[in-house]
Each structure stands twice: as structure tokens, then as C-alpha cells.
Amino acid sequence: MFQRVLLAWPSDAPPRRALEVARSLAETYAAELAVCCLGDGAAAARAALGAHAAIASLPRPHADRELLRYAHEHAFDLLVVGRRRAGEPLPRRLVDRAALPVLIVPEEPAG
């Protein structure tokens, strides 16, 4: 079903649960998993994913547009993004503007 999965990685907090979900989906569908860092998250992403992971960096301003442009240009068919709190603007903007499926993963379990 999915061949290329892209995980959004914000610079301010690693998306731990979103990473677990993205890895699981990539494994289940034998899909490629890549990470797109928003801002300065590349070092943390590299530490979490290993030296051979596909990691790109994008500027933080206009992250939603840049992330969707990147996903489109590189033919990803699923975008996974973590959400730390309800009403967080980036996940909402991605869902509103995306031409590909967007999976939003709450970083904290509902309690």
C-alpha cells in the first residue's frame, strides 16, 4: 500500500511515538522510511535512526509548505507527523493542504 513514508521531525522535540509508528508502517509494507527535519533536528534524527537513514533538513519558517513540497517532489505516499498537544498548528495545516495521506500521531497517549 505504501512505498515511501516520510516522517516530519521537528527540531524542538523528537517525535518518539511518530517514529515508532512510521517504522512499523515501513516494515509492514516493506516501504522506504525517510525523515525530514524541520530546523536543526538532523543530529537527533541521525542518532535515533542510524548512519544510513535518509535524512533531509528544511528551514523551520513555512514548515508546512516546505514539507509538502518536499514530499511531492520526492514522491512520498504517506506523511507521518507527531502532535504534542491538541490544536497544534503544523499538523492541522498539513492535513488541510496535503495532496497525500497524513497520519497524525499523538506523542502522549490520551489519558
PDB file of N, CA and C in Angstrom:
ATOM      1  N   MET A   1       0.815  -1.199   0.000  1.00  0.00           N
ATOM      2  CA  MET A   1       0.000   0.000   0.000  1.00  0.00           C
ATOM      3  C   MET A   1       0.861   1.267   0.000  1.00  0.00           C
ATOM      4  N   PHE A   2       1.822   1.351   0.924  1.00  0.00           N
ATOM      5  CA  PHE A   2       2.729   2.496   0.957  1.00  0.00           C
ATOM      6  C   PHE A   2       4.108   2.044   0.521  1.00  0.00           C
ATOM      7  N   GLN A   3       4.741   2.843  -0.326  1.00  0.00           N
ATOM      8  CA  GLN A   3       6.089   2.524  -0.793  1.00  0.00           C
ATOM      9  C   GLN A   3       7.132   3.470  -0.220  1.00  0.00           C
ATOM     10  N   ARG A   4       6.710   4.717   0.053  1.00  0.00           N
ATOM     11  CA  ARG A   4       7.650   5.717   0.573  1.00  0.00           C
ATOM     12  C   ARG A   4       6.962   6.501   1.685  1.00  0.00           C
ATOM     13  N   VAL A   5       7.521   6.393   2.895  1.00  0.00           N
ATOM     14  CA  VAL A   5       6.961   7.035   4.081  1.00  0.00           C
ATOM     15  C   VAL A   5       7.916   8.138   4.523  1.00  0.00           C
ATOM     16  N   LEU A   6       7.362   9.320   4.767  1.00  0.00           N
ATOM     17  CA  LEU A   6       8.153  10.459   5.213  1.00  0.00           C
ATOM     18  C   LEU A   6       7.706  10.842   6.615  1.00  0.00           C
ATOM     19  N   LEU A   7       8.652  10.941   7.533  1.00  0.00           N
ATOM     20  CA  LEU A   7       8.397  11.356   8.906  1.00  0.00           C
ATOM     21  C   LEU A   7       8.879  12.786   9.095  1.00  0.00           C
ATOM     22  N   ALA A   8       7.990  13.651   9.578  1.00  0.00           N
ATOM     23  CA  ALA A   8       8.382  15.033   9.912  1.00  0.00           C
ATOM     24  C   ALA A   8       9.033  15.019  11.291  1.00  0.00           C
ATOM     25  N   TRP A   9      10.200  15.617  11.401  1.00  0.00           N
ATOM     26  CA  TRP A   9      10.979  15.618  12.647  1.00  0.00           C
ATOM     27  C   TRP A   9      11.227  17.064  13.072  1.00  0.00           C
ATOM     28  N   PRO A  10      10.455  17.593  14.023  1.00  0.00           N
ATOM     29  CA  PRO A  10      10.667  18.972  14.472  1.00  0.00           C
ATOM     30  C   PRO A  10      11.957  19.078  15.285  1.00  0.00           C
ATOM     31  N   SER A  11      12.576  20.232  15.238  1.00  0.00           N
ATOM     32  CA  SER A  11      13.859  20.418  15.923  1.00  0.00           C
ATOM     33  C   SER A  11      13.719  20.529  17.433  1.00  0.00           C
ATOM     34  N   ASP A  12      12.546  20.899  17.920  1.00  0.00           N
ATOM     35  CA  ASP A  12      12.415  21.141  19.354  1.00  0.00           C
ATOM     36  C   ASP A  12      12.123  19.903  20.193  1.00  0.00           C
ATOM     37  N   ALA A  13      11.641  18.816  19.605  1.00  0.00           N
ATOM     38  CA  ALA A  13      11.356  17.599  20.367  1.00  0.00           C
ATOM     39  C   ALA A  13      11.269  16.408  19.423  1.00  0.00           C
ATOM     40  N   PRO A  14      12.048  15.366  19.677  1.00  0.00           N
ATOM     41  CA  PRO A  14      11.972  14.192  18.810  1.00  0.00           C
ATOM     42  C   PRO A  14      10.577  13.567  18.844  1.00  0.00           C
ATOM     43  N   PRO A  15      10.058  13.179  17.690  1.00  0.00           N
ATOM     44  CA  PRO A  15       8.727  12.583  17.619  1.00  0.00           C
ATOM     45  C   PRO A  15       8.791  11.080  17.902  1.00  0.00           C
ATOM     46  N   ARG A  16       8.963  10.709  19.155  1.00  0.00           N
ATOM     47  CA  ARG A  16       9.218   9.314  19.525  1.00  0.00           C
ATOM     48  C   ARG A  16       8.104   8.353  19.104  1.00  0.00           C
ATOM     49  N   ARG A  17       6.867   8.659  19.426  1.00  0.00           N
ATOM     50  CA  ARG A  17       5.764   7.770  19.049  1.00  0.00           C
ATOM     51  C   ARG A  17       5.544   7.785  17.540  1.00  0.00           C
ATOM     52  N   ALA A  18       5.655   8.953  16.925  1.00  0.00           N
ATOM     53  CA  ALA A  18       5.500   9.039  15.471  1.00  0.00           C
ATOM     54  C   ALA A  18       6.587   8.212  14.777  1.00  0.00           C
ATOM     55  N   LEU A  19       7.794   8.219  15.313  1.00  0.00           N
ATOM     56  CA  LEU A  19       8.879   7.410  14.755  1.00  0.00           C
ATOM     57  C   LEU A  19       8.535   5.926  14.864  1.00  0.00           C
ATOM     58  N   GLU A  20       8.021   5.494  16.005  1.00  0.00           N
ATOM     59  CA  GLU A  20       7.632   4.093  16.167  1.00  0.00           C
ATOM     60  C   GLU A  20       6.576   3.697  15.140  1.00  0.00           C
ATOM     61  N   VAL A  21       5.576   4.538  14.964  1.00  0.00           N
ATOM     62  CA  VAL A  21       4.503   4.251  14.015  1.00  0.00           C
ATOM     63  C   VAL A  21       5.049   4.231  12.584  1.00  0.00           C
ATOM     64  N   ALA A  22       5.860   5.213  12.232  1.00  0.00           N
ATOM     65  CA  ALA A  22       6.425   5.281  10.880  1.00  0.00           C
ATOM     66  C   ALA A  22       7.294   4.059  10.592  1.00  0.00           C
ATOM     67  N   ARG A  23       8.115   3.651  11.568  1.00  0.00           N
ATOM     68  CA  ARG A  23       8.950   2.457  11.400  1.00  0.00           C
ATOM     69  C   ARG A  23       8.081   1.212  11.208  1.00  0.00           C
ATOM     70  N   SER A  24       7.056   1.097  12.010  1.00  0.00           N
ATOM     71  CA  SER A  24       6.168  -0.059  11.926  1.00  0.00           C
ATOM     72  C   SER A  24       5.477  -0.128  10.559  1.00  0.00           C
ATOM     73  N   LEU A  25       4.985   1.004  10.087  1.00  0.00           N
ATOM     74  CA  LEU A  25       4.344   1.036   8.768  1.00  0.00           C
ATOM     75  C   LEU A  25       5.340   0.695   7.664  1.00  0.00           C
ATOM     76  N   ALA A  26       6.539   1.257   7.749  1.00  0.00           N
ATOM     77  CA  ALA A  26       7.555   0.973   6.736  1.00  0.00           C
ATOM     78  C   ALA A  26       7.901  -0.519   6.730  1.00  0.00           C
ATOM     79  N   GLU A  27       8.009  -1.110   7.902  1.00  0.00           N
ATOM     80  CA  GLU A  27       8.306  -2.536   7.992  1.00  0.00           C
ATOM     81  C   GLU A  27       7.142  -3.371   7.455  1.00  0.00           C
ATOM     82  N   THR A  28       5.934  -3.035   7.859  1.00  0.00           N
ATOM     83  CA  THR A  28       4.751  -3.780   7.432  1.00  0.00           C
ATOM     84  C   THR A  28       4.600  -3.786   5.915  1.00  0.00           C
ATOM     85  N   TYR A  29       4.831  -2.654   5.282  1.00  0.00           N
ATOM     86  CA  TYR A  29       4.637  -2.531   3.840  1.00  0.00           C
ATOM     87  C   TYR A  29       5.931  -2.629   3.040  1.00  0.00           C
ATOM     88  N   ALA A  30       7.043  -2.973   3.713  1.00  0.00           N
ATOM     89  CA  ALA A  30       8.349  -3.017   3.047  1.00  0.00           C
ATOM     90  C   ALA A  30       8.612  -1.707   2.309  1.00  0.00           C
ATOM     91  N   ALA A  31       8.292  -0.611   2.979  1.00  0.00           N
ATOM     92  CA  ALA A  31       8.417   0.723   2.386  1.00  0.00           C
ATOM     93  C   ALA A  31       9.712   1.394   2.825  1.00  0.00           C
ATOM     94  N   GLU A  32      10.135   2.343   2.034  1.00  0.00           N
ATOM     95  CA  GLU A  32      11.270   3.188   2.396  1.00  0.00           C
ATOM     96  C   GLU A  32      10.803   4.187   3.451  1.00  0.00           C
ATOM     97  N   LEU A  33      11.607   4.389   4.481  1.00  0.00           N
ATOM     98  CA  LEU A  33      11.320   5.391   5.501  1.00  0.00           C
ATOM     99  C   LEU A  33      12.377   6.476   5.419  1.00  0.00           C
ATOM    100  N   ALA A  34      11.942   7.713   5.283  1.00  0.00           N
ATOM    101  CA  ALA A  34      12.841   8.857   5.262  1.00  0.00           C
ATOM    102  C   ALA A  34      12.358   9.853   6.306  1.00  0.00           C
ATOM    103  N   VAL A  35      13.265  10.701   6.730  1.00  0.00           N
ATOM    104  CA  VAL A  35      12.965  11.715   7.740  1.00  0.00           C
ATOM    105  C   VAL A  35      13.282  13.077   7.169  1.00  0.00           C
ATOM    106  N   CYS A  36      12.385  14.012   7.422  1.00  0.00           N
ATOM    107  CA  CYS A  36      12.599  15.393   7.023  1.00  0.00           C
ATOM    108  C   CYS A  36      12.627  16.231   8.294  1.00  0.00           C
ATOM    109  N   CYS A  37      13.786  16.766   8.612  1.00  0.00           N
ATOM    110  CA  CYS A  37      13.967  17.562   9.824  1.00  0.00           C
ATOM    111  C   CYS A  37      13.550  19.001   9.560  1.00  0.00           C
ATOM    112  N   LEU A  38      12.783  19.527  10.489  1.00  0.00           N
ATOM    113  CA  LEU A  38      12.341  20.913  10.403  1.00  0.00           C
ATOM    114  C   LEU A  38      13.219  21.731  11.338  1.00  0.00           C
ATOM    115  N   GLY A  39      14.149  22.450  10.777  1.00  0.00           N
ATOM    116  CA  GLY A  39      15.096  23.202  11.601  1.00  0.00           C
ATOM    117  C   GLY A  39      16.342  22.368  11.856  1.00  0.00           C
ATOM    118  N   ASP A  40      16.818  22.367  13.088  1.00  0.00           N
ATOM    119  CA  ASP A  40      18.098  21.744  13.438  1.00  0.00           C
ATOM    120  C   ASP A  40      17.960  20.377  14.097  1.00  0.00           C
ATOM    121  N   GLY A  41      17.121  19.524  13.599  1.00  0.00           N
ATOM    122  CA  GLY A  41      16.913  18.225  14.222  1.00  0.00           C
ATOM    123  C   GLY A  41      17.705  17.089  13.613  1.00  0.00           C
ATOM    124  N   ALA A  42      18.572  17.363  12.640  1.00  0.00           N
ATOM    125  CA  ALA A  42      19.260  16.298  11.916  1.00  0.00           C
ATOM    126  C   ALA A  42      20.144  15.449  12.813  1.00  0.00           C
ATOM    127  N   ALA A  43      20.844  16.030  13.760  1.00  0.00           N
ATOM    128  CA  ALA A  43      21.734  15.252  14.633  1.00  0.00           C
ATOM    129  C   ALA A  43      20.932  14.276  15.494  1.00  0.00           C
ATOM    130  N   ALA A  44      19.826  14.736  16.045  1.00  0.00           N
ATOM    131  CA  ALA A  44      18.983  13.853  16.864  1.00  0.00           C
ATOM    132  C   ALA A  44      18.359  12.761  16.009  1.00  0.00           C
ATOM    133  N   ALA A  45      17.929  13.098  14.813  1.00  0.00           N
ATOM    134  CA  ALA A  45      17.347  12.108  13.912  1.00  0.00           C
ATOM    135  C   ALA A  45      18.385  11.073  13.520  1.00  0.00           C
ATOM    136  N   ARG A  46      19.591  11.511  13.212  1.00  0.00           N
ATOM    137  CA  ARG A  46      20.675  10.586  12.838  1.00  0.00           C
ATOM    138  C   ARG A  46      20.984   9.650  13.999  1.00  0.00           C
ATOM    139  N   ALA A  47      21.009  10.168  15.232  1.00  0.00           N
ATOM    140  CA  ALA A  47      21.275   9.340  16.409  1.00  0.00           C
ATOM    141  C   ALA A  47      20.174   8.297  16.603  1.00  0.00           C
ATOM    142  N   ALA A  48      18.928   8.666  16.346  1.00  0.00           N
ATOM    143  CA  ALA A  48      17.802   7.752  16.540  1.00  0.00           C
ATOM    144  C   ALA A  48      17.685   6.722  15.424  1.00  0.00           C
ATOM    145  N   LEU A  49      18.054   7.107  14.202  1.00  0.00           N
ATOM    146  CA  LEU A  49      17.814   6.250  13.043  1.00  0.00           C
ATOM    147  C   LEU A  49      19.051   5.547  12.506  1.00  0.00           C
ATOM    148  N   GLY A  50      20.227   6.030  12.849  1.00  0.00           N
ATOM    149  CA  GLY A  50      21.447   5.407  12.365  1.00  0.00           C
ATOM    150  C   GLY A  50      22.065   6.149  11.193  1.00  0.00           C
ATOM    151  N   ALA A  51      23.284   5.783  10.902  1.00  0.00           N
ATOM    152  CA  ALA A  51      24.087   6.488   9.901  1.00  0.00           C
ATOM    153  C   ALA A  51      23.558   6.345   8.481  1.00  0.00           C
ATOM    154  N   HIS A  52      22.837   5.292   8.193  1.00  0.00           N
ATOM    155  CA  HIS A  52      22.398   5.044   6.816  1.00  0.00           C
ATOM    156  C   HIS A  52      20.984   5.537   6.532  1.00  0.00           C
ATOM    157  N   ALA A  53      20.370   6.211   7.479  1.00  0.00           N
ATOM    158  CA  ALA A  53      18.996   6.696   7.294  1.00  0.00           C
ATOM    159  C   ALA A  53      18.957   7.840   6.294  1.00  0.00           C
ATOM    160  N   ALA A  54      17.851   7.916   5.567  1.00  0.00           N
ATOM    161  CA  ALA A  54      17.636   9.016   4.626  1.00  0.00           C
ATOM    162  C   ALA A  54      17.075  10.203   5.405  1.00  0.00           C
ATOM    163  N   ILE A  55      17.894  11.222   5.582  1.00  0.00           N
ATOM    164  CA  ILE A  55      17.502  12.382   6.378  1.00  0.00           C
ATOM    165  C   ILE A  55      17.761  13.649   5.575  1.00  0.00           C
ATOM    166  N   ALA A  56      16.749  14.492   5.500  1.00  0.00           N
ATOM    167  CA  ALA A  56      16.864  15.795   4.839  1.00  0.00           C
ATOM    168  C   ALA A  56      16.516  16.869   5.855  1.00  0.00           C
ATOM    169  N   SER A  57      16.957  18.082   5.625  1.00  0.00           N
ATOM    170  CA  SER A  57      16.644  19.204   6.512  1.00  0.00           C
ATOM    171  C   SER A  57      15.944  20.303   5.725  1.00  0.00           C
ATOM    172  N   LEU A  58      14.962  20.906   6.374  1.00  0.00           N
ATOM    173  CA  LEU A  58      14.227  22.020   5.785  1.00  0.00           C
ATOM    174  C   LEU A  58      14.223  23.181   6.762  1.00  0.00           C
ATOM    175  N   PRO A  59      14.120  24.410   6.258  1.00  0.00           N
ATOM    176  CA  PRO A  59      14.037  25.556   7.166  1.00  0.00           C
ATOM    177  C   PRO A  59      12.734  25.512   7.958  1.00  0.00           C
ATOM    178  N   ARG A  60      12.777  26.000   9.179  1.00  0.00           N
ATOM    179  CA  ARG A  60      11.599  25.999  10.057  1.00  0.00           C
ATOM    180  C   ARG A  60      10.498  26.947   9.569  1.00  0.00           C
ATOM    181  N   PRO A  61      10.828  28.163   9.076  1.00  0.00           N
ATOM    182  CA  PRO A  61       9.748  29.035   8.589  1.00  0.00           C
ATOM    183  C   PRO A  61       8.989  28.364   7.439  1.00  0.00           C
ATOM    184  N   HIS A  62       7.685  28.468   7.473  1.00  0.00           N
ATOM    185  CA  HIS A  62       6.817  27.875   6.452  1.00  0.00           C
ATOM    186  C   HIS A  62       7.023  26.365   6.354  1.00  0.00           C
ATOM    187  N   ALA A  63       7.191  25.718   7.493  1.00  0.00           N
ATOM    188  CA  ALA A  63       7.491  24.292   7.535  1.00  0.00           C
ATOM    189  C   ALA A  63       6.428  23.469   6.822  1.00  0.00           C
ATOM    190  N   ASP A  64       5.171  23.857   6.947  1.00  0.00           N
ATOM    191  CA  ASP A  64       4.119  23.078   6.302  1.00  0.00           C
ATOM    192  C   ASP A  64       4.284  23.083   4.783  1.00  0.00           C
ATOM    193  N   ARG A  65       4.482  24.235   4.203  1.00  0.00           N
ATOM    194  CA  ARG A  65       4.641  24.330   2.748  1.00  0.00           C
ATOM    195  C   ARG A  65       5.904  23.616   2.272  1.00  0.00           C
ATOM    196  N   GLU A  66       6.997  23.828   2.995  1.00  0.00           N
ATOM    197  CA  GLU A  66       8.269  23.212   2.611  1.00  0.00           C
ATOM    198  C   GLU A  66       8.193  21.689   2.718  1.00  0.00           C
ATOM    199  N   LEU A  67       7.564  21.206   3.769  1.00  0.00           N
ATOM    200  CA  LEU A  67       7.439  19.767   3.967  1.00  0.00           C
ATOM    201  C   LEU A  67       6.575  19.134   2.874  1.00  0.00           C
ATOM    202  N   LEU A  68       5.467  19.760   2.553  1.00  0.00           N
ATOM    203  CA  LEU A  68       4.598  19.230   1.497  1.00  0.00           C
ATOM    204  C   LEU A  68       5.260  19.317   0.122  1.00  0.00           C
ATOM    205  N   ARG A  69       5.992  20.376  -0.120  1.00  0.00           N
ATOM    206  CA  ARG A  69       6.741  20.492  -1.384  1.00  0.00           C
ATOM    207  C   ARG A  69       7.765  19.363  -1.484  1.00  0.00           C
ATOM    208  N   TYR A  70       8.491  19.131  -0.404  1.00  0.00           N
ATOM    209  CA  TYR A  70       9.498  18.081  -0.387  1.00  0.00           C
ATOM    210  C   TYR A  70       8.850  16.707  -0.613  1.00  0.00           C
ATOM    211  N   ALA A  71       7.752  16.443   0.080  1.00  0.00           N
ATOM    212  CA  ALA A  71       7.053  15.160  -0.060  1.00  0.00           C
ATOM    213  C   ALA A  71       6.595  14.951  -1.502  1.00  0.00           C
ATOM    214  N   HIS A  72       6.082  15.999  -2.115  1.00  0.00           N
ATOM    215  CA  HIS A  72       5.619  15.906  -3.501  1.00  0.00           C
ATOM    216  C   HIS A  72       6.791  15.689  -4.465  1.00  0.00           C
ATOM    217  N   GLU A  73       7.836  16.477  -4.312  1.00  0.00           N
ATOM    218  CA  GLU A  73       8.991  16.382  -5.215  1.00  0.00           C
ATOM    219  C   GLU A  73       9.669  15.020  -5.154  1.00  0.00           C
ATOM    220  N   HIS A  74       9.610  14.373  -3.994  1.00  0.00           N
ATOM    221  CA  HIS A  74      10.294  13.095  -3.811  1.00  0.00           C
ATOM    222  C   HIS A  74       9.331  11.907  -3.802  1.00  0.00           C
ATOM    223  N   ALA A  75       8.105  12.147  -4.237  1.00  0.00           N
ATOM    224  CA  ALA A  75       7.095  11.102  -4.448  1.00  0.00           C
ATOM    225  C   ALA A  75       6.816  10.232  -3.222  1.00  0.00           C
ATOM    226  N   PHE A  76       6.681  10.852  -2.071  1.00  0.00           N
ATOM    227  CA  PHE A  76       6.262  10.110  -0.881  1.00  0.00           C
ATOM    228  C   PHE A  76       4.760   9.890  -0.958  1.00  0.00           C
ATOM    229  N   ASP A  77       4.324   8.762  -0.428  1.00  0.00           N
ATOM    230  CA  ASP A  77       2.889   8.493  -0.470  1.00  0.00           C
ATOM    231  C   ASP A  77       2.239   8.451   0.905  1.00  0.00           C
ATOM    232  N   LEU A  78       3.003   8.760   1.961  1.00  0.00           N
ATOM    233  CA  LEU A  78       2.451   8.918   3.308  1.00  0.00           C
ATOM    234  C   LEU A  78       3.354   9.852   4.086  1.00  0.00           C
ATOM    235  N   LEU A  79       2.735  10.789   4.789  1.00  0.00           N
ATOM    236  CA  LEU A  79       3.450  11.706   5.665  1.00  0.00           C
ATOM    237  C   LEU A  79       3.007  11.426   7.085  1.00  0.00           C
ATOM    238  N   VAL A  80       3.968  11.156   7.973  1.00  0.00           N
ATOM    239  CA  VAL A  80       3.685  10.905   9.386  1.00  0.00           C
ATOM    240  C   VAL A  80       4.219  12.082  10.181  1.00  0.00           C
ATOM    241  N   VAL A  81       3.369  12.624  11.043  1.00  0.00           N
ATOM    242  CA  VAL A  81       3.765  13.770  11.851  1.00  0.00           C
ATOM    243  C   VAL A  81       3.262  13.574  13.283  1.00  0.00           C
ATOM    244  N   GLY A  82       4.123  13.894  14.241  1.00  0.00           N
ATOM    245  CA  GLY A  82       3.725  13.809  15.644  1.00  0.00           C
ATOM    246  C   GLY A  82       2.994  15.071  16.076  1.00  0.00           C
ATOM    247  N   ARG A  83       2.173  14.918  17.111  1.00  0.00           N
ATOM    248  CA  ARG A  83       1.464  16.066  17.678  1.00  0.00           C
ATOM    249  C   ARG A  83       1.610  15.994  19.194  1.00  0.00           C
ATOM    250  N   ARG A  84       2.137  17.067  19.769  1.00  0.00           N
ATOM    251  CA  ARG A  84       2.358  17.104  21.218  1.00  0.00           C
ATOM    252  C   ARG A  84       1.149  17.591  21.990  1.00  0.00           C
ATOM    253  N   ARG A  85       0.311  18.407  21.365  1.00  0.00           N
ATOM    254  CA  ARG A  85      -0.863  18.935  22.073  1.00  0.00           C
ATOM    255  C   ARG A  85      -1.979  19.217  21.068  1.00  0.00           C
ATOM    256  N   ALA A  86      -3.188  19.170  21.561  1.00  0.00           N
ATOM    257  CA  ALA A  86      -4.343  19.463  20.704  1.00  0.00           C
ATOM    258  C   ALA A  86      -4.254  20.891  20.189  1.00  0.00           C
ATOM    259  N   GLY A  87      -4.673  21.093  18.980  1.00  0.00           N
ATOM    260  CA  GLY A  87      -4.682  22.433  18.397  1.00  0.00           C
ATOM    261  C   GLY A  87      -3.337  22.887  17.862  1.00  0.00           C
ATOM    262  N   GLU A  88      -2.342  22.018  17.874  1.00  0.00           N
ATOM    263  CA  GLU A  88      -1.027  22.377  17.346  1.00  0.00           C
ATOM    264  C   GLU A  88      -1.171  22.730  15.861  1.00  0.00           C
ATOM    265  N   PRO A  89      -0.651  23.868  15.420  1.00  0.00           N
ATOM    266  CA  PRO A  89      -0.943  24.344  14.066  1.00  0.00           C
ATOM    267  C   PRO A  89      -0.323  23.533  12.929  1.00  0.00           C
ATOM    268  N   LEU A  90       0.889  23.022  13.074  1.00  0.00           N
ATOM    269  CA  LEU A  90       1.533  22.339  11.947  1.00  0.00           C
ATOM    270  C   LEU A  90       0.743  21.117  11.474  1.00  0.00           C
ATOM    271  N   PRO A  91       0.369  20.190  12.345  1.00  0.00           N
ATOM    272  CA  PRO A  91      -0.409  19.045  11.847  1.00  0.00           C
ATOM    273  C   PRO A  91      -1.713  19.458  11.155  1.00  0.00           C
ATOM    274  N   ARG A  92      -2.402  20.432  11.692  1.00  0.00           N
ATOM    275  CA  ARG A  92      -3.661  20.884  11.091  1.00  0.00           C
ATOM    276  C   ARG A  92      -3.421  21.459   9.700  1.00  0.00           C
ATOM    277  N   ARG A  93      -2.385  22.294   9.556  1.00  0.00           N
ATOM    278  CA  ARG A  93      -2.088  22.883   8.248  1.00  0.00           C
ATOM    279  C   ARG A  93      -1.685  21.808   7.241  1.00  0.00           C
ATOM    280  N   LEU A  94      -0.948  20.799   7.689  1.00  0.00           N
ATOM    281  CA  LEU A  94      -0.561  19.720   6.788  1.00  0.00           C
ATOM    282  C   LEU A  94      -1.782  18.969   6.278  1.00  0.00           C
ATOM    283  N   VAL A  95      -2.690  18.643   7.180  1.00  0.00           N
ATOM    284  CA  VAL A  95      -3.908  17.933   6.779  1.00  0.00           C
ATOM    285  C   VAL A  95      -4.719  18.782   5.806  1.00  0.00           C
ATOM    286  N   ASP A  96      -4.832  20.068   6.099  1.00  0.00           N
ATOM    287  CA  ASP A  96      -5.630  20.953   5.252  1.00  0.00           C
ATOM    288  C   ASP A  96      -5.049  21.131   3.849  1.00  0.00           C
ATOM    289  N   ARG A  97      -3.723  21.073   3.718  1.00  0.00           N
ATOM    290  CA  ARG A  97      -3.073  21.398   2.446  1.00  0.00           C
ATOM    291  C   ARG A  97      -2.524  20.206   1.677  1.00  0.00           C
ATOM    292  N   ALA A  98      -2.454  19.047   2.288  1.00  0.00           N
ATOM    293  CA  ALA A  98      -1.758  17.907   1.681  1.00  0.00           C
ATOM    294  C   ALA A  98      -2.545  17.263   0.552  1.00  0.00           C
ATOM    295  N   ALA A  99      -1.811  16.797  -0.444  1.00  0.00           N
ATOM    296  CA  ALA A  99      -2.394  16.018  -1.527  1.00  0.00           C
ATOM    297  C   ALA A  99      -2.053  14.536  -1.341  1.00  0.00           C
ATOM    298  N   LEU A 100      -1.463  14.185  -0.198  1.00  0.00           N
ATOM    299  CA  LEU A 100      -1.146  12.805   0.124  1.00  0.00           C
ATOM    300  C   LEU A 100      -1.697  12.521   1.521  1.00  0.00           C
ATOM    301  N   PRO A 101      -1.850  11.257   1.896  1.00  0.00           N
ATOM    302  CA  PRO A 101      -2.344  10.956   3.238  1.00  0.00           C
ATOM    303  C   PRO A 101      -1.379  11.470   4.314  1.00  0.00           C
ATOM    304  N   VAL A 102      -1.947  12.007   5.377  1.00  0.00           N
ATOM    305  CA  VAL A 102      -1.170  12.494   6.523  1.00  0.00           C
ATOM    306  C   VAL A 102      -1.661  11.752   7.749  1.00  0.00           C
ATOM    307  N   LEU A 103      -0.732  11.106   8.447  1.00  0.00           N
ATOM    308  CA  LEU A 103      -1.061  10.400   9.672  1.00  0.00           C
ATOM    309  C   LEU A 103      -0.519  11.214  10.836  1.00  0.00           C
ATOM    310  N   ILE A 104      -1.407  11.658  11.707  1.00  0.00           N
ATOM    311  CA  ILE A 104      -1.009  12.444  12.877  1.00  0.00           C
ATOM    312  C   ILE A 104      -0.990  11.509  14.075  1.00  0.00           C
ATOM    313  N   VAL A 105       0.159  11.447  14.744  1.00  0.00           N
ATOM    314  CA  VAL A 105       0.352  10.552  15.880  1.00  0.00           C
ATOM    315  C   VAL A 105       0.499  11.390  17.147  1.00  0.00           C
ATOM    316  N   PRO A 106      -0.411  11.247  18.113  1.00  0.00           N
ATOM    317  CA  PRO A 106      -0.253  11.965  19.380  1.00  0.00           C
ATOM    318  C   PRO A 106       1.022  11.462  20.082  1.00  0.00           C
ATOM    319  N   GLU A 107       1.860  12.368  20.494  1.00  0.00           N
ATOM    320  CA  GLU A 107       3.095  11.983  21.171  1.00  0.00           C
ATOM    321  C   GLU A 107       2.847  11.519  22.608  1.00  0.00           C
ATOM    322  N   GLU A 108       1.778  11.942  23.183  1.00  0.00           N
ATOM    323  CA  GLU A 108       1.397  11.476  24.516  1.00  0.00           C
ATOM    324  C   GLU A 108       0.102  10.702  24.383  1.00  0.00           C
ATOM    325  N   PRO A 109       0.027   9.519  24.995  1.00  0.00           N
ATOM    326  CA  PRO A 109      -1.223   8.772  24.911  1.00  0.00           C
ATOM    327  C   PRO A 109      -2.376   9.557  25.547  1.00  0.00           C
ATOM    328  N   ALA A 110      -3.568   9.409  24.975  1.00  0.00           N
ATOM    329  CA  ALA A 110      -4.745  10.069  25.546  1.00  0.00           C
ATOM    330  C   ALA A 110      -4.981   9.530  26.940  1.00  0.00           C
ATOM    331  N   GLY A 111      -5.257  10.421  27.872  1.00  0.00           N
ATOM    332  CA  GLY A 111      -5.382   9.960  29.245  1.00  0.00           C
ATOM    333  C   GLY A 111      -6.557  10.433  29.923  1.00  0.00           C
TER     334      GLY A 111
END
